[in-house]
Structure formats: C-alpha cells, structure tokens
Amino acid sequence: MNDEPEATQERTATQRMMRRLDGFARELGLDEAAMCQIVERVTADMPLRTDEERVVEAQARLAVALMASRMGDEDVDPVMEAVSALRGAGIEVEPSGDELDRWQIGDLTFSDADLWRLAVSRGLVEEGESR
C-alpha cells in the first residue's frame, strides 16, 4: 500500500510528459508506443528531477531514438550515444558553435571526440564502442 502514492505520482508525471511531448514526437515521426517507452524510462530514471528537466531529457532520448531508427542498430552515432549517456547522468550537454559542431558543458566546449572521451572516462559508455 505504501507504494501506491509513489506509483500514482509516477503515472501522473508520465501522463503530463506524454501530453507535452506529443507534438515533438509527431514532428520526429515517432509512434506513440516508442514515445511512451522513452517517457516511462525517463520518469523512472529521474524521480527527483523537475518535470522540465525530465521533458528535456525525454526530448534528447527521442531524438537519439529517431537517429537510431534511421541508421539501423549497427550504425548508432557514438557521439549521440555519449550525449545521451552524459545527459542520463545529469550532465547538461548542449550543441554549440556556428554549425553545431561542438558541445557545451557549463563553460567548457568539447569536440565530438572530446565528448566521447569524457563519457568513456566516466564509465558511461564502453571504449570499444567508438567508431
């Protein structure tokens, strides 16, 4: 019985996120089932975060899912994998630069390779996965 309020809160948070992300997922061309799975995972992974933080993370994961679906499982971009892993660890990573060819974490700017090495050094991705 003690888990009921927590489960209810999680379901409510998931439903709020689904409503907020519906248009975003449609624009990406992702189906509702894929969106629901990602939103549920984000809600479970980030129970102490704000709704806004969860929405941002879900958007990032939805974008990665789209890229993975377009590339096939063997061709997942290792940089996007690193971005997703870092964001999942609570690190704010944003694209930057005139051509969005760099990554911003706080006051630091990283190249794709540097971002990958950061994720590897933190144990968030395996070194052998880089292409």
C-alpha atoms as a PDB file:
ATOM      1  CA  MET A   1       0.000   0.000   0.000  1.00  0.00           C
ATOM      2  CA  ASN A   2       2.890   2.388   0.660  1.00  0.00           C
ATOM      3  CA  ASP A   3       3.940   2.165  -2.993  1.00  0.00           C
ATOM      4  CA  GLU A   4       0.542   3.317  -4.287  1.00  0.00           C
ATOM      5  CA  PRO A   5       1.061   7.085  -3.855  1.00  0.00           C
ATOM      6  CA  GLU A   6       4.518   6.828  -5.451  1.00  0.00           C
ATOM      7  CA  ALA A   7       3.182   4.754  -8.360  1.00  0.00           C
ATOM      8  CA  THR A   8       0.308   7.203  -8.805  1.00  0.00           C
ATOM      9  CA  GLN A   9       2.735  10.124  -8.871  1.00  0.00           C
ATOM     10  CA  GLU A  10       4.888   8.344 -11.442  1.00  0.00           C
ATOM     11  CA  ARG A  11       1.862   7.626 -13.651  1.00  0.00           C
ATOM     12  CA  THR A  12       0.742  11.254 -13.360  1.00  0.00           C
ATOM     13  CA  ALA A  13       4.218  12.530 -14.238  1.00  0.00           C
ATOM     14  CA  THR A  14       4.357  10.163 -17.222  1.00  0.00           C
ATOM     15  CA  GLN A  15       0.954  11.342 -18.460  1.00  0.00           C
ATOM     16  CA  ARG A  16       1.967  15.016 -18.160  1.00  0.00           C
ATOM     17  CA  MET A  17       5.148  14.351 -20.107  1.00  0.00           C
ATOM     18  CA  MET A  18       3.268  12.405 -22.781  1.00  0.00           C
ATOM     19  CA  ARG A  19       0.950  15.371 -23.325  1.00  0.00           C
ATOM     20  CA  ARG A  20       3.853  17.827 -23.502  1.00  0.00           C
ATOM     21  CA  LEU A  21       5.918  15.672 -25.854  1.00  0.00           C
ATOM     22  CA  ASP A  22       3.146  14.524 -28.192  1.00  0.00           C
ATOM     23  CA  GLY A  23       3.723  17.234 -30.818  1.00  0.00           C
ATOM     24  CA  PHE A  24       7.503  16.897 -30.584  1.00  0.00           C
ATOM     25  CA  ALA A  25       7.369  13.129 -31.128  1.00  0.00           C
ATOM     26  CA  ARG A  26       4.936  13.538 -34.042  1.00  0.00           C
ATOM     27  CA  GLU A  27       7.262  16.059 -35.705  1.00  0.00           C
ATOM     28  CA  LEU A  28      10.054  13.488 -35.419  1.00  0.00           C
ATOM     29  CA  GLY A  29       7.788  10.822 -36.865  1.00  0.00           C
ATOM     30  CA  LEU A  30       7.988   8.555 -33.817  1.00  0.00           C
ATOM     31  CA  ASP A  31       4.977   6.487 -32.858  1.00  0.00           C
ATOM     32  CA  GLU A  32       3.184   6.756 -29.539  1.00  0.00           C
ATOM     33  CA  ALA A  33       4.472   3.396 -28.300  1.00  0.00           C
ATOM     34  CA  ALA A  34       8.111   4.463 -28.740  1.00  0.00           C
ATOM     35  CA  MET A  35       7.411   7.787 -27.055  1.00  0.00           C
ATOM     36  CA  CYS A  36       5.618   6.093 -24.158  1.00  0.00           C
ATOM     37  CA  GLN A  37       8.503   3.687 -23.576  1.00  0.00           C
ATOM     38  CA  ILE A  38      11.046   6.511 -23.506  1.00  0.00           C
ATOM     39  CA  VAL A  39       8.900   8.728 -21.273  1.00  0.00           C
ATOM     40  CA  GLU A  40       8.333   5.891 -18.791  1.00  0.00           C
ATOM     41  CA  ARG A  41      12.078   5.186 -18.689  1.00  0.00           C
ATOM     42  CA  VAL A  42      12.925   8.869 -18.116  1.00  0.00           C
ATOM     43  CA  THR A  43      10.338   9.101 -15.340  1.00  0.00           C
ATOM     44  CA  ALA A  44      11.815   6.031 -13.656  1.00  0.00           C
ATOM     45  CA  ASP A  45      15.434   7.168 -14.175  1.00  0.00           C
ATOM     46  CA  MET A  46      14.891  10.706 -12.888  1.00  0.00           C
ATOM     47  CA  PRO A  47      12.416  10.529  -9.992  1.00  0.00           C
ATOM     48  CA  LEU A  48      13.817  13.539  -8.137  1.00  0.00           C
ATOM     49  CA  ARG A  49      14.076  15.859 -11.146  1.00  0.00           C
ATOM     50  CA  THR A  50      11.587  18.527 -12.160  1.00  0.00           C
ATOM     51  CA  ASP A  51       9.097  17.929 -14.939  1.00  0.00           C
ATOM     52  CA  GLU A  52      11.011  20.400 -17.109  1.00  0.00           C
ATOM     53  CA  GLU A  53      14.294  18.516 -16.638  1.00  0.00           C
ATOM     54  CA  ARG A  54      12.573  15.257 -17.496  1.00  0.00           C
ATOM     55  CA  VAL A  55      10.987  16.734 -20.625  1.00  0.00           C
ATOM     56  CA  VAL A  56      14.378  17.970 -21.842  1.00  0.00           C
ATOM     57  CA  GLU A  57      15.902  14.537 -21.236  1.00  0.00           C
ATOM     58  CA  ALA A  58      12.990  12.806 -22.950  1.00  0.00           C
ATOM     59  CA  GLN A  59      13.387  15.095 -25.980  1.00  0.00           C
ATOM     60  CA  ALA A  60      17.063  14.163 -26.178  1.00  0.00           C
ATOM     61  CA  ARG A  61      16.277  10.459 -25.938  1.00  0.00           C
ATOM     62  CA  LEU A  62      13.519  10.756 -28.536  1.00  0.00           C
ATOM     63  CA  ALA A  63      15.973  12.432 -30.922  1.00  0.00           C
ATOM     64  CA  VAL A  64      18.518   9.665 -30.320  1.00  0.00           C
ATOM     65  CA  ALA A  65      15.798   7.051 -30.924  1.00  0.00           C
ATOM     66  CA  LEU A  66      14.943   8.723 -34.217  1.00  0.00           C
ATOM     67  CA  MET A  67      18.581   8.726 -35.307  1.00  0.00           C
ATOM     68  CA  ALA A  68      18.965   5.091 -34.307  1.00  0.00           C
ATOM     69  CA  SER A  69      15.842   4.104 -36.225  1.00  0.00           C
ATOM     70  CA  ARG A  70      17.082   5.867 -39.348  1.00  0.00           C
ATOM     71  CA  MET A  71      20.593   4.444 -39.158  1.00  0.00           C
ATOM     72  CA  GLY A  72      19.885   0.895 -38.082  1.00  0.00           C
ATOM     73  CA  ASP A  73      21.122  -0.606 -34.851  1.00  0.00           C
ATOM     74  CA  GLU A  74      24.699  -1.124 -36.054  1.00  0.00           C
ATOM     75  CA  ASP A  75      25.097   2.490 -37.124  1.00  0.00           C
ATOM     76  CA  VAL A  76      24.122   4.355 -33.946  1.00  0.00           C
ATOM     77  CA  ASP A  77      26.168   7.562 -33.800  1.00  0.00           C
ATOM     78  CA  PRO A  78      28.628   7.150 -30.924  1.00  0.00           C
ATOM     79  CA  VAL A  79      28.606  10.898 -30.249  1.00  0.00           C
ATOM     80  CA  MET A  80      24.824  10.901 -29.788  1.00  0.00           C
ATOM     81  CA  GLU A  81      25.233   7.829 -27.602  1.00  0.00           C
ATOM     82  CA  ALA A  82      27.732   9.778 -25.480  1.00  0.00           C
ATOM     83  CA  VAL A  83      25.398  12.802 -25.352  1.00  0.00           C
ATOM     84  CA  SER A  84      22.523  10.615 -24.217  1.00  0.00           C
ATOM     85  CA  ALA A  85      24.663   8.853 -21.603  1.00  0.00           C
ATOM     86  CA  LEU A  86      26.000  12.133 -20.208  1.00  0.00           C
ATOM     87  CA  ARG A  87      22.513  13.636 -20.050  1.00  0.00           C
ATOM     88  CA  GLY A  88      21.255  10.498 -18.372  1.00  0.00           C
ATOM     89  CA  ALA A  89      23.941  11.026 -15.731  1.00  0.00           C
ATOM     90  CA  GLY A  90      22.580  14.519 -15.088  1.00  0.00           C
ATOM     91  CA  ILE A  91      25.171  16.452 -17.095  1.00  0.00           C
ATOM     92  CA  GLU A  92      23.738  19.254 -19.227  1.00  0.00           C
ATOM     93  CA  VAL A  93      25.154  18.874 -22.736  1.00  0.00           C
ATOM     94  CA  GLU A  94      24.088  21.257 -25.487  1.00  0.00           C
ATOM     95  CA  PRO A  95      25.228  21.598 -29.093  1.00  0.00           C
ATOM     96  CA  SER A  96      27.106  24.818 -29.828  1.00  0.00           C
ATOM     97  CA  GLY A  97      29.175  26.524 -32.490  1.00  0.00           C
ATOM     98  CA  ASP A  98      28.148  28.122 -35.755  1.00  0.00           C
ATOM     99  CA  GLU A  99      27.459  24.742 -37.324  1.00  0.00           C
ATOM    100  CA  LEU A 100      26.546  22.949 -34.085  1.00  0.00           C
ATOM    101  CA  ASP A 101      29.798  21.046 -34.404  1.00  0.00           C
ATOM    102  CA  ARG A 102      30.818  21.462 -30.765  1.00  0.00           C
ATOM    103  CA  TRP A 103      29.265  20.551 -27.410  1.00  0.00           C
ATOM    104  CA  GLN A 104      28.872  22.850 -24.436  1.00  0.00           C
ATOM    105  CA  ILE A 105      29.030  21.604 -20.843  1.00  0.00           C
ATOM    106  CA  GLY A 106      28.973  24.540 -18.465  1.00  0.00           C
ATOM    107  CA  ASP A 107      31.741  26.911 -19.529  1.00  0.00           C
ATOM    108  CA  LEU A 108      33.643  24.204 -21.419  1.00  0.00           C
ATOM    109  CA  THR A 109      33.423  23.424 -25.135  1.00  0.00           C
ATOM    110  CA  PHE A 110      34.119  19.923 -26.439  1.00  0.00           C
ATOM    111  CA  SER A 111      34.673  18.417 -29.882  1.00  0.00           C
ATOM    112  CA  ASP A 112      32.865  15.180 -30.735  1.00  0.00           C
ATOM    113  CA  ALA A 113      35.974  13.165 -29.856  1.00  0.00           C
ATOM    114  CA  ASP A 114      36.476  15.003 -26.555  1.00  0.00           C
ATOM    115  CA  LEU A 115      32.841  14.461 -25.615  1.00  0.00           C
ATOM    116  CA  TRP A 116      33.184  10.745 -26.375  1.00  0.00           C
ATOM    117  CA  ARG A 117      36.342  10.515 -24.242  1.00  0.00           C
ATOM    118  CA  LEU A 118      34.543  12.288 -21.374  1.00  0.00           C
ATOM    119  CA  ALA A 119      31.710   9.751 -21.472  1.00  0.00           C
ATOM    120  CA  VAL A 120      34.244   6.890 -21.574  1.00  0.00           C
ATOM    121  CA  SER A 121      36.251   8.351 -18.674  1.00  0.00           C
ATOM    122  CA  ARG A 122      33.106   8.482 -16.556  1.00  0.00           C
ATOM    123  CA  GLY A 123      32.227   4.882 -17.420  1.00  0.00           C
ATOM    124  CA  LEU A 124      29.011   5.890 -19.180  1.00  0.00           C
ATOM    125  CA  VAL A 125      29.897   4.202 -22.483  1.00  0.00           C
ATOM    126  CA  GLU A 126      32.354   1.473 -23.310  1.00  0.00           C
ATOM    127  CA  GLU A 127      35.573   2.474 -25.022  1.00  0.00           C
ATOM    128  CA  GLY A 128      35.358  -0.261 -27.657  1.00  0.00           C
ATOM    129  CA  GLU A 129      32.028   1.113 -28.941  1.00  0.00           C
ATOM    130  CA  SER A 130      33.538   4.213 -30.556  1.00  0.00           C
ATOM    131  CA  ARG A 131      33.728   4.178 -34.340  1.00  0.00           C
END
